[in-house]
Amino acid sequence: MAASSHTPQDAAAEARRQQRLEELCAALIRAQSAESEVRYRGHRLEWRGKAYPLRAPHLQLDSQQDDWGSCRGVADAIALRLRHHDGDLHRHWLPAPPVARLVFELLEQLRVESLVPAHQPGSRRNLHHRFSAWSNRFLASGQTESHLGLLLFSLSMMSWVQLGGGPIDEGTEHLIESTRMFLLREIGQPFGRIRRHREEQAAFAEQAQAIALTVSELVDDLQQQLADGEQDKEALEQVGKSFGLLLDLNGDGDEGGGEAGGAVARFSDGEAAYRVFTNHFDKEWQADKKVRPELLERLREQLDLRIREQGLNLNGLTKKLRRLLARPQNDGWRFGEEEGQLDGRRLSTLVTSHADRRVFKQPRDEWHANATVTILVDNSGSMRTHMGHIAMLIDLLVRALERTGARTEVLGFTTGHWNGGKPLKEWQRRGRPANPGRLNERCHLVYKGADTSWRRARRSLAALLKGDMFREGLDGEALLWAEQRLLAEDTDERLLLVISDGCPMDTATRQYNNQDILDSHLIAVADRLEREQRIRLCALGVGLDLSRYYRHNQLLDLEHSPDNRIFDEILALLGRTLRGPHAG
């Protein structure tokens, strides 16, 4: 039997597919809900910068099993909730018992889905597809063979039908028939009113709360009736999992609630709490000074050969970047025009030549990019294998940006040693105090400064190919360094593009501090930069999804040499970043 065919290339392709899927779903939600501040970050949906919980079982997607139709259905369902749901009102009526909260959340979600406009039959089909897919999977799981599973499943199907979700098949009708009759005896009155009140959330919530509390009591009674409590507890947990109840039932029940807010606060604390044991050994180098001139010349020849062989369209890239970055700037006047502002110097022409109308002038605009773009490259060891492609990509970007009038700089970051360096030895000599902070030298590299033209920096850029300058990475501190350099630039637009293939890593720092010290710092710094908007921040993930760290990011596939398609993806990323913090 052949070994598993799952390769790193497959994983990268799957990650790209997942990222693209999330981008499309976020765009659908924004369009349908008219809420611009919706996006995915780290595979988690965010609304207005906070996590958006999905508290209905059929909204929990399985990326391995669910199809695109289910994704569309969930996107439409979320959009309808954003349009027709009042969070404060929801909290007021939300019951406390966990099972009651589950039922209440389900009913509210089905209520907003019932409000899908008649002129959107596609959305209605998507919602139907998603709920049917979820119910089929629940049936296939075998959970309806337990009393509890059948009770909750029957209630879900009854509510879906009652609120106009659609008919159910004959087999399911037969399965839930007796349970339905039982439930209707208990919740008949409020259940009969929910469809009538579906357009009034407060009136609906009153009925939904009554249903939810009654069902919660039924579940409690059912548990007490079962002789084996342990078996019942396991059954409840199993049904919960099958229902997709990955819900924060201990939270406040409101979208954008405590979890995300806490995360933001933690990130902010992460930047303030980050410590450096000693910065005495930190270094900042001009990259070309770390490479022998002869070697640097050979590396440049290799890079030039790669670029020639690739046949990339530099002129086309320049035109696209100009459209993205350049703004019209007045560059004097065009004289002798037949319309525009009257040119006083040519008034005599009106007297001497009545037929000559070229006595006007018009402002002359030149398109110029008053921007500074910093490319910050992760010089961690795992990046070495990609640097041939990355150096070519950076070289072409710098040349094209320079043609638009933008200033560019290329920076790199790494550490002085592997697994801690002189700061680690200093810490050991001082008796290993607790929580020391960063324990390696910080090494920053300047491949090209903003004041240096591409022509003068072309040899230095070839130092990107010098593999022995790649060790570990302190991404958060590198962002701060690049930020300070960018803020010193007198320019209209400041753009920071990070290229990385992983999370921050310094083994010694992680070993003797909290494991997430470097991650938290990076997230905190990136979060602040994105909120302040003094510079525009985005990232290219080399075979890795960086959405956990950066709001605007793009997965970069460098298994093959960069082509014009990759540059289009980069330009799309830059466009989203320039449009603002919540652009999809």
Protein backbone atom coordinates (compact mmCIF):
# COMPACT_ATOMS: atom_id res chain seq x y z
CA MET A 1 0.00 0.00 0.00
CA ALA A 2 1.39 3.35 -0.93
CA ALA A 3 2.43 5.77 1.79
CA SER A 4 0.35 8.85 2.52
CA SER A 5 0.39 11.26 -0.38
CA HIS A 6 -0.11 14.24 1.89
CA THR A 7 2.89 16.45 1.18
CA PRO A 8 3.93 19.91 2.42
CA GLN A 9 2.77 21.20 -0.96
CA ASP A 10 -0.65 19.71 -0.31
CA ALA A 11 -0.76 21.36 3.10
CA ALA A 12 0.20 24.72 1.62
CA ALA A 13 -2.44 24.36 -1.10
CA GLU A 14 -5.06 23.47 1.50
CA ALA A 15 -4.06 26.47 3.62
CA ARG A 16 -4.39 28.75 0.59
CA ARG A 17 -7.78 27.26 -0.23
CA GLN A 18 -8.97 27.77 3.34
CA GLN A 19 -7.75 31.35 3.39
CA ARG A 20 -9.46 32.08 0.09
CA LEU A 21 -12.65 30.48 1.36
CA GLU A 22 -12.63 32.64 4.49
CA GLU A 23 -12.01 35.77 2.44
CA LEU A 24 -14.97 34.97 0.21
CA CYS A 25 -17.24 34.20 3.17
CA ALA A 26 -16.24 37.42 4.92
CA ALA A 27 -16.96 39.36 1.72
CA LEU A 28 -20.38 37.70 1.45
CA ILE A 29 -21.23 38.59 5.04
CA ARG A 30 -20.14 42.19 4.57
CA ALA A 31 -22.18 42.54 1.40
CA GLN A 32 -25.32 40.92 2.84
CA SER A 33 -25.22 42.58 6.25
CA ALA A 34 -23.90 46.02 5.25
CA GLU A 35 -21.41 45.62 8.09
CA SER A 36 -17.95 46.51 6.85
CA GLU A 37 -16.05 45.41 9.96
CA VAL A 38 -16.33 41.66 9.42
CA ARG A 39 -13.28 39.52 8.73
CA TYR A 40 -11.52 36.30 9.65
CA ARG A 41 -8.44 36.35 11.83
CA GLY A 42 -6.65 33.13 12.69
CA HIS A 43 -9.62 31.19 11.19
CA ARG A 44 -11.93 32.94 13.63
CA LEU A 45 -14.62 35.36 12.56
CA GLU A 46 -14.29 38.89 13.92
CA TRP A 47 -16.83 41.68 14.01
CA ARG A 48 -15.71 45.20 14.95
CA GLY A 49 -12.35 43.82 16.03
CA LYS A 50 -13.79 41.19 18.40
CA ALA A 51 -14.49 37.50 18.03
CA TYR A 52 -17.98 36.74 16.76
CA PRO A 53 -19.32 33.58 18.43
CA LEU A 54 -21.44 31.16 16.41
CA ARG A 55 -23.91 29.92 18.99
CA ALA A 56 -26.14 27.66 16.97
CA PRO A 57 -25.18 24.06 16.19
CA HIS A 58 -25.76 24.21 12.46
CA LEU A 59 -23.34 27.15 12.11
CA GLN A 60 -20.37 25.05 13.20
CA LEU A 61 -18.52 24.08 10.02
CA ASP A 62 -16.19 21.16 9.51
CA SER A 63 -13.56 22.16 6.94
CA GLN A 64 -12.91 18.50 6.10
CA GLN A 65 -16.51 17.54 5.39
CA ASP A 66 -18.63 20.57 4.61
CA ASP A 67 -18.94 21.80 1.05
CA TRP A 68 -19.02 25.28 -0.42
CA GLY A 69 -22.82 25.32 -0.24
CA SER A 70 -22.64 24.92 3.53
CA CYS A 71 -20.11 27.75 3.74
CA ARG A 72 -22.47 29.97 1.76
CA GLY A 73 -25.35 28.98 4.02
CA VAL A 74 -23.42 29.86 7.18
CA ALA A 75 -22.28 33.16 5.68
CA ASP A 76 -25.88 34.07 4.83
CA ALA A 77 -27.04 33.01 8.30
CA ILE A 78 -24.43 35.20 10.00
CA ALA A 79 -25.30 38.13 7.76
CA LEU A 80 -28.98 37.82 8.66
CA ARG A 81 -28.11 37.74 12.36
CA LEU A 82 -26.04 40.90 12.00
CA ARG A 83 -28.96 42.64 10.25
CA HIS A 84 -31.86 41.52 12.42
CA HIS A 85 -30.44 40.84 15.88
CA ASP A 86 -30.27 43.17 18.91
CA GLY A 87 -27.54 41.99 21.29
CA ASP A 88 -28.75 43.95 24.32
CA LEU A 89 -32.27 42.62 23.93
CA HIS A 90 -30.89 39.11 23.51
CA ARG A 91 -28.92 39.33 26.75
CA HIS A 92 -32.00 40.53 28.62
CA TRP A 93 -33.96 37.38 27.77
CA LEU A 94 -31.10 34.86 27.67
CA PRO A 95 -31.80 32.12 30.26
CA ALA A 96 -29.08 30.84 32.60
CA PRO A 97 -29.22 27.00 32.41
CA PRO A 98 -26.85 25.70 29.72
CA VAL A 99 -29.44 23.61 27.89
CA ALA A 100 -31.90 26.51 27.98
CA ARG A 101 -29.23 28.80 26.55
CA LEU A 102 -28.57 26.34 23.77
CA VAL A 103 -32.25 26.17 22.82
CA PHE A 104 -32.67 29.93 23.11
CA GLU A 105 -29.66 30.54 20.85
CA LEU A 106 -30.92 28.04 18.29
CA LEU A 107 -34.39 29.60 18.18
CA GLU A 108 -33.01 33.10 17.79
CA GLN A 109 -30.75 32.00 14.94
CA LEU A 110 -33.64 30.27 13.16
CA ARG A 111 -35.73 33.41 13.68
CA VAL A 112 -33.27 35.67 11.87
CA GLU A 113 -32.87 33.08 9.11
CA SER A 114 -36.64 33.10 8.59
CA LEU A 115 -36.34 36.81 7.70
CA VAL A 116 -34.40 36.14 4.51
CA PRO A 117 -35.98 38.41 1.86
CA ALA A 118 -38.18 36.81 -0.79
CA HIS A 119 -36.09 38.43 -3.52
CA GLN A 120 -33.04 36.42 -2.40
CA PRO A 121 -33.98 32.86 -3.37
CA GLY A 122 -30.31 31.95 -3.58
CA SER A 123 -29.76 32.79 0.07
CA ARG A 124 -32.84 30.78 1.00
CA ARG A 125 -31.43 27.77 -0.85
CA ASN A 126 -28.10 28.19 0.90
CA LEU A 127 -29.74 28.26 4.33
CA HIS A 128 -31.80 25.19 3.49
CA HIS A 129 -28.73 23.37 2.21
CA ARG A 130 -26.73 24.12 5.34
CA PHE A 131 -29.41 23.08 7.81
CA SER A 132 -30.13 19.90 5.85
CA ALA A 133 -26.42 19.03 5.74
CA TRP A 134 -26.12 19.51 9.50
CA SER A 135 -29.23 17.45 10.28
CA ASN A 136 -28.07 14.62 7.99
CA ARG A 137 -24.73 14.50 9.76
CA PHE A 138 -26.39 14.45 13.16
CA LEU A 139 -28.58 11.57 12.06
CA ALA A 140 -25.55 9.72 10.72
CA SER A 141 -23.74 10.15 14.04
CA GLY A 142 -26.27 7.87 15.74
CA GLN A 143 -27.00 10.35 18.52
CA THR A 144 -30.74 10.19 17.89
CA GLU A 145 -30.63 6.68 19.35
CA SER A 146 -30.43 8.24 22.82
CA HIS A 147 -33.44 9.89 24.46
CA LEU A 148 -31.59 13.13 24.94
CA GLY A 149 -30.26 13.25 21.41
CA LEU A 150 -33.66 12.53 19.92
CA LEU A 151 -35.29 15.17 22.11
CA LEU A 152 -32.93 17.96 21.05
CA PHE A 153 -32.86 16.86 17.43
CA SER A 154 -36.66 16.77 17.27
CA LEU A 155 -36.91 20.24 18.75
CA SER A 156 -34.40 21.54 16.20
CA MET A 157 -36.32 20.07 13.27
CA MET A 158 -39.69 21.24 14.62
CA SER A 159 -38.40 24.79 15.08
CA TRP A 160 -36.84 24.86 11.63
CA VAL A 161 -40.11 23.80 10.01
CA GLN A 162 -42.19 26.12 12.19
CA LEU A 163 -40.08 29.12 11.18
CA GLY A 164 -40.29 28.36 7.50
CA GLY A 165 -37.00 26.59 7.01
CA GLY A 166 -38.51 23.94 4.80
CA PRO A 167 -40.10 20.50 4.74
CA ILE A 168 -38.31 17.47 6.14
CA ASP A 169 -38.13 14.08 4.50
CA GLU A 170 -40.46 11.22 5.31
CA GLY A 171 -37.87 9.20 7.19
CA THR A 172 -37.07 12.07 9.56
CA GLU A 173 -40.78 12.77 10.01
CA HIS A 174 -41.30 9.20 11.12
CA LEU A 175 -38.28 9.29 13.43
CA ILE A 176 -39.31 12.37 15.39
CA GLU A 177 -43.09 11.87 15.31
CA SER A 178 -43.59 10.53 18.83
CA THR A 179 -41.09 12.97 20.38
CA ARG A 180 -42.74 15.83 18.57
CA MET A 181 -46.10 14.93 20.04
CA PHE A 182 -44.53 14.72 23.48
CA LEU A 183 -42.83 18.11 23.11
CA LEU A 184 -45.95 19.81 21.80
CA ARG A 185 -47.80 18.81 24.95
CA GLU A 186 -45.14 20.62 26.99
CA ILE A 187 -44.32 23.67 24.86
CA GLY A 188 -47.38 23.87 22.61
CA GLN A 189 -48.56 27.37 23.46
CA PRO A 190 -45.30 29.34 23.17
CA PHE A 191 -44.17 27.19 20.26
CA GLY A 192 -47.35 28.07 18.36
CA ARG A 193 -46.61 31.78 18.74
CA ILE A 194 -42.99 31.95 17.57
CA ARG A 195 -43.74 32.22 13.88
CA ARG A 196 -46.24 35.02 14.51
CA HIS A 197 -43.59 37.03 16.42
CA ARG A 198 -40.57 36.28 14.28
CA GLU A 199 -40.29 39.88 13.08
CA GLU A 200 -40.39 41.27 16.64
CA GLN A 201 -37.36 40.11 18.59
CA ALA A 202 -38.68 41.06 22.03
CA ALA A 203 -42.01 39.28 21.59
CA PHE A 204 -40.24 36.30 20.04
CA ALA A 205 -37.67 36.16 22.84
CA GLU A 206 -40.40 35.92 25.48
CA GLN A 207 -41.82 32.81 23.78
CA ALA A 208 -38.38 31.39 23.07
CA GLN A 209 -37.36 31.77 26.69
CA ALA A 210 -40.45 29.87 27.83
CA ILE A 211 -39.67 27.05 25.37
CA ALA A 212 -36.00 26.97 26.39
CA LEU A 213 -36.71 26.77 30.13
CA THR A 214 -39.31 24.06 29.65
CA VAL A 215 -36.95 21.96 27.53
CA SER A 216 -34.21 22.47 30.11
CA GLU A 217 -36.51 21.11 32.81
CA LEU A 218 -37.40 18.15 30.59
CA VAL A 219 -33.73 17.35 30.13
CA ASP A 220 -33.15 17.56 33.89
CA ASP A 221 -36.05 15.19 34.51
CA LEU A 222 -34.73 12.84 31.86
CA GLN A 223 -31.34 12.73 33.53
CA GLN A 224 -32.86 11.93 36.88
CA GLN A 225 -34.92 9.13 35.40
CA LEU A 226 -31.92 7.39 33.93
CA ALA A 227 -30.55 4.81 36.34
CA ASP A 228 -26.88 5.14 35.40
CA GLY A 229 -25.82 8.74 35.98
CA GLU A 230 -22.36 8.29 34.52
CA GLN A 231 -23.72 6.89 31.29
CA ASP A 232 -26.14 9.77 31.09
CA LYS A 233 -23.40 12.31 31.68
CA GLU A 234 -21.37 10.78 28.89
CA ALA A 235 -24.44 10.77 26.67
CA LEU A 236 -25.04 14.45 27.35
CA GLU A 237 -21.45 15.30 26.51
CA GLN A 238 -21.56 13.22 23.34
CA VAL A 239 -24.79 14.81 22.17
CA GLY A 240 -23.31 18.20 22.92
CA LYS A 241 -20.32 17.46 20.70
CA SER A 242 -22.49 16.15 17.93
CA PHE A 243 -24.60 19.27 18.10
CA GLY A 244 -21.49 21.28 17.50
CA LEU A 245 -21.89 22.89 20.89
CA LEU A 246 -18.46 24.37 20.94
CA LEU A 247 -20.10 27.28 22.64
CA ASP A 248 -18.92 29.53 25.40
CA LEU A 249 -21.93 28.92 27.58
CA ASN A 250 -20.14 30.61 30.46
CA GLY A 251 -19.79 33.85 28.51
CA ASP A 252 -22.21 36.71 28.42
CA GLY A 253 -24.00 35.33 25.41
CA ASP A 254 -23.56 38.41 23.29
CA GLU A 255 -21.77 38.68 19.99
CA GLY A 256 -18.40 40.28 20.42
CA GLY A 257 -18.45 39.43 24.10
CA GLY A 258 -15.80 38.96 26.69
CA GLU A 259 -13.42 36.53 25.04
CA ALA A 260 -12.23 38.81 22.32
CA GLY A 261 -12.13 41.86 24.53
CA GLY A 262 -10.01 39.94 26.95
CA ALA A 263 -7.74 38.87 24.15
CA VAL A 264 -7.25 42.44 23.01
CA ALA A 265 -6.49 43.51 26.55
CA ARG A 266 -4.03 40.65 26.89
CA PHE A 267 -2.33 41.63 23.64
CA SER A 268 -1.99 45.21 24.82
CA ASP A 269 -0.58 44.02 28.09
CA GLY A 270 1.74 41.78 26.09
CA GLU A 271 3.50 44.75 24.52
CA ALA A 272 3.84 46.62 27.80
CA ALA A 273 4.88 43.53 29.75
CA TYR A 274 7.50 42.33 27.26
CA ARG A 275 10.94 42.47 28.77
CA VAL A 276 14.49 42.45 27.45
CA PHE A 277 17.04 41.08 29.88
CA THR A 278 19.79 43.20 28.37
CA ASN A 279 20.12 45.08 25.09
CA HIS A 280 23.84 45.59 25.59
CA PHE A 281 24.70 43.07 22.87
CA ASP A 282 22.08 44.08 20.28
CA LYS A 283 23.36 44.91 16.81
CA GLU A 284 22.26 46.71 13.65
CA TRP A 285 24.25 45.88 10.53
CA GLN A 286 24.47 47.05 6.96
CA ALA A 287 23.93 43.72 5.26
CA ASP A 288 26.55 44.19 2.55
CA LYS A 289 29.23 44.72 5.21
CA LYS A 290 28.66 41.14 6.40
CA VAL A 291 29.52 39.61 3.00
CA ARG A 292 32.86 39.55 1.20
CA PRO A 293 32.75 41.81 -1.88
CA GLU A 294 33.68 38.95 -4.23
CA LEU A 295 30.94 36.75 -2.85
CA LEU A 296 28.47 39.60 -2.95
CA GLU A 297 29.23 40.15 -6.62
CA ARG A 298 28.65 36.45 -7.38
CA LEU A 299 25.38 36.44 -5.47
CA ARG A 300 24.23 39.47 -7.46
CA GLU A 301 25.06 37.71 -10.72
CA GLN A 302 23.02 34.72 -9.57
CA LEU A 303 20.10 36.98 -8.73
CA ASP A 304 20.27 38.78 -12.07
CA LEU A 305 20.33 35.45 -13.90
CA ARG A 306 17.26 34.25 -12.00
CA ILE A 307 15.37 37.42 -12.87
CA ARG A 308 16.29 37.24 -16.55
CA GLU A 309 15.24 33.61 -16.79
CA GLN A 310 11.94 34.27 -15.09
CA GLY A 311 10.75 36.76 -17.70
CA LEU A 312 8.60 38.79 -15.34
CA ASN A 313 6.83 41.87 -16.62
CA LEU A 314 8.44 44.75 -14.73
CA ASN A 315 6.66 47.41 -16.79
CA GLY A 316 3.30 45.83 -16.10
CA LEU A 317 4.07 45.62 -12.40
CA THR A 318 5.09 49.29 -12.37
CA LYS A 319 1.83 50.36 -14.03
CA LYS A 320 -0.25 48.41 -11.51
CA LEU A 321 1.70 49.82 -8.57
CA ARG A 322 1.31 53.33 -9.95
CA ARG A 323 -2.45 52.88 -10.13
CA LEU A 324 -2.37 51.67 -6.53
CA LEU A 325 -0.07 54.22 -4.94
CA ALA A 326 0.25 57.26 -7.16
CA ARG A 327 -1.82 60.42 -6.70
CA PRO A 328 -2.05 63.38 -9.07
CA GLN A 329 0.24 66.26 -8.18
CA ASN A 330 0.18 69.69 -9.78
CA ASP A 331 3.25 70.17 -11.92
CA GLY A 332 2.68 73.59 -13.48
CA TRP A 333 0.41 74.63 -16.40
CA ARG A 334 -0.32 73.63 -19.96
CA PHE A 335 -0.61 76.78 -22.10
CA GLY A 336 -2.22 77.37 -25.47
CA GLU A 337 -5.37 75.41 -24.64
CA GLU A 338 -8.79 76.11 -26.21
CA GLU A 339 -10.55 75.88 -22.85
CA GLY A 340 -9.69 76.23 -19.19
CA GLN A 341 -8.55 79.34 -17.29
CA LEU A 342 -7.94 82.50 -19.33
CA ASP A 343 -4.20 83.14 -19.84
CA GLY A 344 -3.62 86.88 -19.30
CA ARG A 345 -0.40 86.82 -21.30
CA ARG A 346 -2.31 85.85 -24.47
CA LEU A 347 -5.12 88.42 -24.27
CA SER A 348 -3.61 90.34 -27.17
CA THR A 349 -4.28 87.32 -29.36
CA LEU A 350 -7.99 87.99 -29.05
CA VAL A 351 -7.44 91.36 -30.72
CA THR A 352 -4.99 90.32 -33.44
CA SER A 353 -6.54 86.97 -34.34
CA HIS A 354 -10.24 86.57 -33.61
CA ALA A 355 -10.27 82.97 -34.83
CA ASP A 356 -7.50 81.82 -32.53
CA ARG A 357 -9.09 80.47 -29.35
CA ARG A 358 -5.87 79.10 -27.81
CA VAL A 359 -5.81 81.69 -25.04
CA PHE A 360 -6.49 79.39 -22.11
CA LYS A 361 -4.34 77.36 -19.74
CA GLN A 362 -4.98 74.20 -17.72
CA PRO A 363 -3.22 72.74 -14.67
CA ARG A 364 -0.81 69.95 -15.50
CA ASP A 365 -0.95 66.91 -13.20
CA GLU A 366 1.72 64.26 -12.87
CA TRP A 367 1.00 60.97 -11.13
CA HIS A 368 3.45 60.44 -8.32
CA ALA A 369 3.55 58.05 -5.37
CA ASN A 370 4.42 60.01 -2.25
CA ALA A 371 4.84 56.85 -0.22
CA THR A 372 7.49 54.89 1.63
CA VAL A 373 7.30 51.11 1.52
CA THR A 374 9.37 49.05 3.96
CA ILE A 375 9.85 45.35 3.24
CA LEU A 376 10.74 43.53 6.45
CA VAL A 377 12.17 40.06 5.89
CA ASP A 378 12.22 37.30 8.48
CA ASN A 379 15.80 35.98 8.57
CA SER A 380 14.95 32.87 10.55
CA GLY A 381 16.66 29.62 9.57
CA SER A 382 13.61 28.10 7.91
CA MET A 383 13.52 31.00 5.44
CA ARG A 384 16.85 30.10 3.87
CA THR A 385 15.32 27.62 1.46
CA HIS A 386 12.96 30.28 0.11
CA MET A 387 15.40 33.17 -0.19
CA GLY A 388 16.19 32.62 -3.86
CA HIS A 389 12.59 33.35 -4.80
CA ILE A 390 12.10 35.98 -2.12
CA ALA A 391 15.20 37.95 -3.15
CA MET A 392 13.98 38.00 -6.75
CA LEU A 393 10.53 39.11 -5.64
CA ILE A 394 11.92 41.89 -3.43
CA ASP A 395 14.32 43.12 -6.09
CA LEU A 396 11.53 43.48 -8.64
CA LEU A 397 9.18 45.13 -6.16
CA VAL A 398 11.82 47.67 -5.19
CA ARG A 399 12.54 48.53 -8.84
CA ALA A 400 8.88 48.88 -9.72
CA LEU A 401 8.08 50.94 -6.62
CA GLU A 402 11.00 53.25 -7.32
CA ARG A 403 9.66 53.85 -10.84
CA THR A 404 6.38 55.08 -9.35
CA GLY A 405 8.24 57.61 -7.21
CA ALA A 406 7.87 55.70 -3.95
CA ARG A 407 10.77 55.37 -1.53
CA THR A 408 11.64 51.86 -0.42
CA GLU A 409 13.73 50.18 2.19
CA VAL A 410 14.49 46.52 2.74
CA LEU A 411 15.18 45.34 6.29
CA GLY A 412 15.82 41.98 7.91
CA PHE A 413 15.77 40.60 11.42
CA THR A 414 17.34 37.65 13.18
CA THR A 415 19.22 36.79 16.38
CA GLY A 416 22.93 36.77 17.18
CA HIS A 417 23.06 33.06 18.02
CA TRP A 418 20.97 29.92 18.10
CA ASN A 419 19.30 29.05 21.43
CA GLY A 420 20.33 32.20 23.24
CA GLY A 421 23.62 34.06 23.15
CA LYS A 422 25.53 36.45 25.36
CA PRO A 423 22.38 37.65 27.18
CA LEU A 424 21.71 34.03 28.20
CA LYS A 425 25.21 33.70 29.66
CA GLU A 426 24.80 37.04 31.43
CA TRP A 427 21.53 35.85 32.93
CA GLN A 428 23.13 32.60 34.11
CA ARG A 429 26.01 34.55 35.66
CA ARG A 430 23.57 36.74 37.60
CA GLY A 431 21.92 33.75 39.23
CA ARG A 432 19.03 33.06 36.81
CA PRO A 433 16.40 35.52 38.08
CA ALA A 434 12.83 34.56 37.24
CA ASN A 435 11.05 35.79 34.11
CA PRO A 436 14.16 37.33 32.57
CA GLY A 437 12.62 38.31 29.22
CA ARG A 438 14.43 38.08 25.90
CA LEU A 439 17.71 36.13 26.23
CA ASN A 440 19.35 36.50 22.83
CA GLU A 441 21.00 39.29 20.92
CA ARG A 442 18.72 41.17 18.57
CA CYS A 443 20.25 41.55 15.12
CA HIS A 444 18.71 43.94 12.62
CA LEU A 445 19.90 44.09 9.03
CA VAL A 446 19.60 46.94 6.55
CA TYR A 447 19.71 45.64 2.98
CA LYS A 448 18.54 48.93 1.49
CA GLY A 449 17.82 52.27 3.16
CA ALA A 450 15.06 54.61 2.00
CA ASP A 451 17.63 57.18 0.89
CA THR A 452 19.47 54.69 -1.31
CA SER A 453 18.37 54.07 -4.89
CA TRP A 454 17.93 50.56 -6.24
CA ARG A 455 20.94 51.04 -8.51
CA ARG A 456 23.23 51.86 -5.57
CA ALA A 457 21.70 49.13 -3.39
CA ARG A 458 21.56 46.33 -5.97
CA ARG A 459 24.71 44.60 -4.68
CA SER A 460 23.55 44.89 -1.07
CA LEU A 461 20.20 43.30 -1.95
CA ALA A 462 22.08 40.23 -3.11
CA ALA A 463 23.08 39.71 0.54
CA LEU A 464 19.59 38.28 0.99
CA LEU A 465 21.07 35.12 -0.49
CA LYS A 466 23.78 34.83 2.20
CA GLY A 467 22.42 31.89 4.17
CA ASP A 468 24.56 32.06 7.31
CA MET A 469 22.86 35.25 8.51
CA PHE A 470 19.65 33.32 9.22
CA ARG A 471 19.07 32.15 12.80
CA GLU A 472 16.00 32.78 14.96
CA GLY A 473 13.45 35.61 14.93
CA LEU A 474 12.15 38.31 17.29
CA ASP A 475 9.31 39.54 15.14
CA GLY A 476 7.70 41.95 17.62
CA GLU A 477 10.89 43.92 18.17
CA ALA A 478 11.53 43.96 14.43
CA LEU A 479 8.12 45.56 13.87
CA LEU A 480 8.94 48.25 16.43
CA TRP A 481 12.25 48.95 14.72
CA ALA A 482 10.67 49.18 11.28
CA GLU A 483 7.90 51.38 12.70
CA GLN A 484 10.39 53.90 14.06
CA ARG A 485 12.22 54.06 10.73
CA LEU A 486 9.00 54.54 8.81
CA LEU A 487 7.67 57.25 11.13
CA ALA A 488 10.86 59.21 10.54
CA GLU A 489 9.98 59.43 6.84
CA ASP A 490 8.35 62.62 5.56
CA THR A 491 5.75 61.00 3.33
CA ASP A 492 1.99 60.78 2.80
CA GLU A 493 1.74 56.99 2.99
CA ARG A 494 3.77 54.55 5.07
CA LEU A 495 3.43 50.89 4.26
CA LEU A 496 5.14 48.01 6.08
CA LEU A 497 5.18 44.64 4.32
CA VAL A 498 6.40 41.69 6.41
CA ILE A 499 7.60 38.48 4.75
CA SER A 500 7.78 35.51 7.11
CA ASP A 501 7.27 31.78 7.24
CA GLY A 502 6.49 31.24 10.90
CA CYS A 503 5.95 32.49 14.40
CA PRO A 504 8.59 34.30 16.48
CA MET A 505 11.18 31.96 17.92
CA ASP A 506 14.08 32.19 20.30
CA THR A 507 14.54 28.90 22.11
CA ALA A 508 16.22 30.30 25.22
CA THR A 509 13.65 33.07 25.66
CA ARG A 510 10.79 30.61 25.41
CA GLN A 511 12.45 28.11 27.70
CA TYR A 512 12.94 30.48 30.62
CA ASN A 513 9.81 32.62 30.26
CA ASN A 514 6.18 32.00 29.43
CA GLN A 515 5.97 29.93 26.26
CA ASP A 516 3.92 32.58 24.47
CA ILE A 517 6.05 35.58 25.38
CA LEU A 518 7.25 36.22 21.82
CA ASP A 519 3.87 35.44 20.20
CA SER A 520 2.03 37.75 22.61
CA HIS A 521 4.48 40.53 21.96
CA LEU A 522 4.15 40.25 18.19
CA ILE A 523 0.36 40.16 18.37
CA ALA A 524 0.32 43.15 20.72
CA VAL A 525 2.62 45.24 18.53
CA ALA A 526 0.78 44.35 15.31
CA ASP A 527 -2.57 45.03 16.96
CA ARG A 528 -1.44 48.49 18.07
CA LEU A 529 -0.02 49.39 14.66
CA GLU A 530 -3.27 48.32 12.99
CA ARG A 531 -5.37 50.32 15.43
CA GLU A 532 -3.26 53.48 15.29
CA GLN A 533 -3.04 53.45 11.48
CA ARG A 534 0.03 55.69 11.44
CA ILE A 535 1.54 53.06 9.18
CA ARG A 536 -0.22 50.44 7.06
CA LEU A 537 0.74 46.91 8.03
CA CYS A 538 0.40 43.71 6.02
CA ALA A 539 2.21 40.38 5.74
CA LEU A 540 3.07 37.67 3.26
CA GLY A 541 3.12 34.21 4.80
CA VAL A 542 5.54 31.89 3.00
CA GLY A 543 3.59 28.64 3.09
CA LEU A 544 1.98 29.70 6.38
CA ASP A 545 -1.24 31.46 7.28
CA LEU A 546 -0.25 34.56 9.28
CA SER A 547 -3.79 35.72 10.01
CA ARG A 548 -3.24 35.02 13.71
CA TYR A 549 -0.77 37.89 13.78
CA TYR A 550 -1.71 40.27 10.97
CA ARG A 551 -5.11 41.59 9.97
CA HIS A 552 -4.08 41.94 6.32
CA ASN A 553 -2.15 38.92 5.14
CA GLN A 554 -1.69 36.70 2.13
CA LEU A 555 -0.48 33.14 1.91
CA LEU A 556 2.41 32.98 -0.55
CA ASP A 557 3.11 29.84 -2.54
CA LEU A 558 6.82 29.74 -3.40
CA GLU A 559 7.01 26.09 -4.32
CA HIS A 560 7.33 27.39 -7.86
CA SER A 561 9.23 30.45 -9.05
CA PRO A 562 7.40 33.76 -8.62
CA ASP A 563 5.29 34.65 -11.63
CA ASN A 564 2.98 37.49 -12.54
CA ARG A 565 0.13 35.76 -10.66
CA ILE A 566 2.04 36.08 -7.38
CA PHE A 567 2.58 39.76 -7.98
CA ASP A 568 -1.15 40.17 -8.60
CA GLU A 569 -1.81 38.54 -5.22
CA ILE A 570 0.67 40.89 -3.56
CA LEU A 571 -0.91 43.91 -5.24
CA ALA A 572 -4.34 42.77 -4.06
CA LEU A 573 -2.97 42.54 -0.51
CA LEU A 574 -1.48 46.03 -0.73
CA GLY A 575 -4.77 47.35 -2.08
CA ARG A 576 -6.74 45.88 0.82
CA THR A 577 -4.23 47.28 3.29
CA LEU A 578 -4.37 50.77 1.82
CA ARG A 579 -8.17 50.78 1.79
CA GLY A 580 -8.31 50.51 5.54
CA PRO A 581 -8.39 48.30 8.62
CA HIS A 582 -11.60 46.46 7.78
CA ALA A 583 -11.22 45.94 4.07
CA GLY A 584 -11.62 42.30 3.08
